[in-house]
Amino acid sequence: KGQKLYAHYCMHCHGEHGDGRTMVGESFNPAPPDFRTSGTLDQDPADLFTMAFDGIGVMLALGKFVDPAEIYLAISYLPTLRDAPSAPVFKPKYVEPLR
């Protein structure tokens, strides 16, 4: 159920694998958080719920149109994204060389 809700409400910005690599996600500045990393996955689920419910930055307040139980179920799916693959939607036209 959480996976289906994530796909319905979250995937268009946060990506199938939670990396934010979507046309929408890559257009945001700052970029959406990477759900695959410990920095996000180690956060208290209550804090993630509050961010999703109230919105943060460019993220919409899902609490205005999504049932709170569905938000919680989508958040409960996030740990399954740990170490999922990632690839940008668009290849960069120019990449600064490492020095």
Protein backbone atom coordinates (compact mmCIF):
# COMPACT_ATOMS: atom_id res chain seq x y z
CA LYS A 1 0.00 0.00 0.00
CA GLY A 2 2.82 2.42 0.89
CA GLN A 3 4.54 1.77 -2.45
CA LYS A 4 1.34 2.51 -4.37
CA LEU A 5 0.76 5.72 -2.42
CA TYR A 6 4.39 6.79 -2.90
CA ALA A 7 3.99 6.18 -6.65
CA HIS A 8 0.76 8.21 -6.71
CA TYR A 9 1.74 11.20 -4.57
CA CYS A 10 5.55 11.35 -4.39
CA MET A 11 7.24 9.71 -7.36
CA HIS A 12 6.73 12.53 -9.89
CA CYS A 13 9.04 14.79 -7.83
CA HIS A 14 11.07 12.37 -5.71
CA GLY A 15 11.61 9.69 -8.37
CA GLU A 16 10.91 5.99 -8.60
CA HIS A 17 14.02 5.25 -6.54
CA GLY A 18 13.71 8.25 -4.18
CA ASP A 19 16.69 10.11 -5.62
CA GLY A 20 14.77 13.15 -6.95
CA ARG A 21 15.95 12.36 -10.47
CA THR A 22 12.79 13.27 -12.38
CA MET A 23 12.05 16.10 -14.78
CA VAL A 24 10.19 17.86 -11.99
CA GLY A 25 12.66 17.03 -9.22
CA GLU A 26 15.68 18.12 -11.24
CA SER A 27 14.02 21.48 -11.92
CA PHE A 28 13.88 22.38 -8.21
CA ASN A 29 16.49 24.43 -6.42
CA PRO A 30 17.20 23.18 -3.86
CA ALA A 31 16.74 19.65 -5.13
CA PRO A 32 14.37 17.27 -3.32
CA PRO A 33 16.04 15.21 -0.58
CA ASP A 34 17.52 11.88 -1.60
CA PHE A 35 15.40 9.30 0.20
CA ARG A 36 18.05 6.62 -0.38
CA THR A 37 20.57 8.15 2.01
CA SER A 38 20.96 7.73 5.74
CA GLY A 39 20.61 11.50 6.24
CA THR A 40 16.97 11.21 5.21
CA LEU A 41 16.20 7.64 6.26
CA ASP A 42 17.56 8.18 9.78
CA GLN A 43 15.16 11.07 10.40
CA ASP A 44 12.29 10.50 12.77
CA PRO A 45 9.25 9.36 10.74
CA ALA A 46 7.17 11.91 12.67
CA ASP A 47 9.41 14.69 11.31
CA LEU A 48 9.11 13.34 7.76
CA PHE A 49 5.34 13.19 8.23
CA THR A 50 5.24 16.82 9.40
CA MET A 51 7.31 17.96 6.39
CA ALA A 52 5.05 16.09 3.98
CA PHE A 53 1.84 17.18 5.73
CA ASP A 54 2.76 20.87 6.06
CA GLY A 55 5.05 21.17 3.04
CA ILE A 56 8.56 22.58 3.13
CA GLY A 57 10.38 24.78 0.63
CA VAL A 58 8.86 24.18 -2.80
CA MET A 59 7.07 21.03 -1.64
CA LEU A 60 3.29 21.25 -1.52
CA ALA A 61 1.51 20.73 1.79
CA LEU A 62 0.09 17.26 1.15
CA GLY A 63 -2.11 17.59 4.24
CA LYS A 64 -4.37 19.91 2.25
CA PHE A 65 -5.50 17.12 -0.08
CA VAL A 66 -4.12 13.75 1.12
CA ASP A 67 -5.45 11.69 4.01
CA PRO A 68 -2.90 11.67 6.88
CA ALA A 69 -2.96 7.86 7.00
CA GLU A 70 -1.94 7.75 3.33
CA ILE A 71 0.96 10.16 3.99
CA TYR A 72 2.12 7.92 6.83
CA LEU A 73 1.91 4.80 4.63
CA ALA A 74 3.92 6.48 1.84
CA ILE A 75 6.60 7.48 4.38
CA SER A 76 6.69 3.91 5.72
CA TYR A 77 7.76 2.83 2.21
CA LEU A 78 10.89 5.06 2.17
CA PRO A 79 13.26 2.60 3.95
CA THR A 80 12.84 0.17 1.04
CA LEU A 81 14.59 2.74 -1.20
CA ARG A 82 17.92 2.52 0.66
CA ASP A 83 20.74 1.90 -1.84
CA ALA A 84 18.39 1.95 -4.85
CA PRO A 85 20.04 2.85 -8.19
CA SER A 86 20.14 6.42 -9.45
CA ALA A 87 20.60 8.14 -12.79
CA PRO A 88 19.94 11.72 -13.90
CA VAL A 89 17.07 12.35 -16.26
CA PHE A 90 19.26 14.60 -18.40
CA LYS A 91 23.00 14.27 -18.85
CA PRO A 92 24.75 17.51 -17.93
CA LYS A 93 25.84 19.60 -20.93
CA TYR A 94 28.91 20.76 -19.09
CA VAL A 95 30.57 19.37 -16.01
CA GLU A 96 33.26 21.31 -14.17
CA PRO A 97 36.45 19.21 -14.12
CA LEU A 98 37.64 18.00 -10.73
CA ARG A 99 40.75 19.79 -9.47
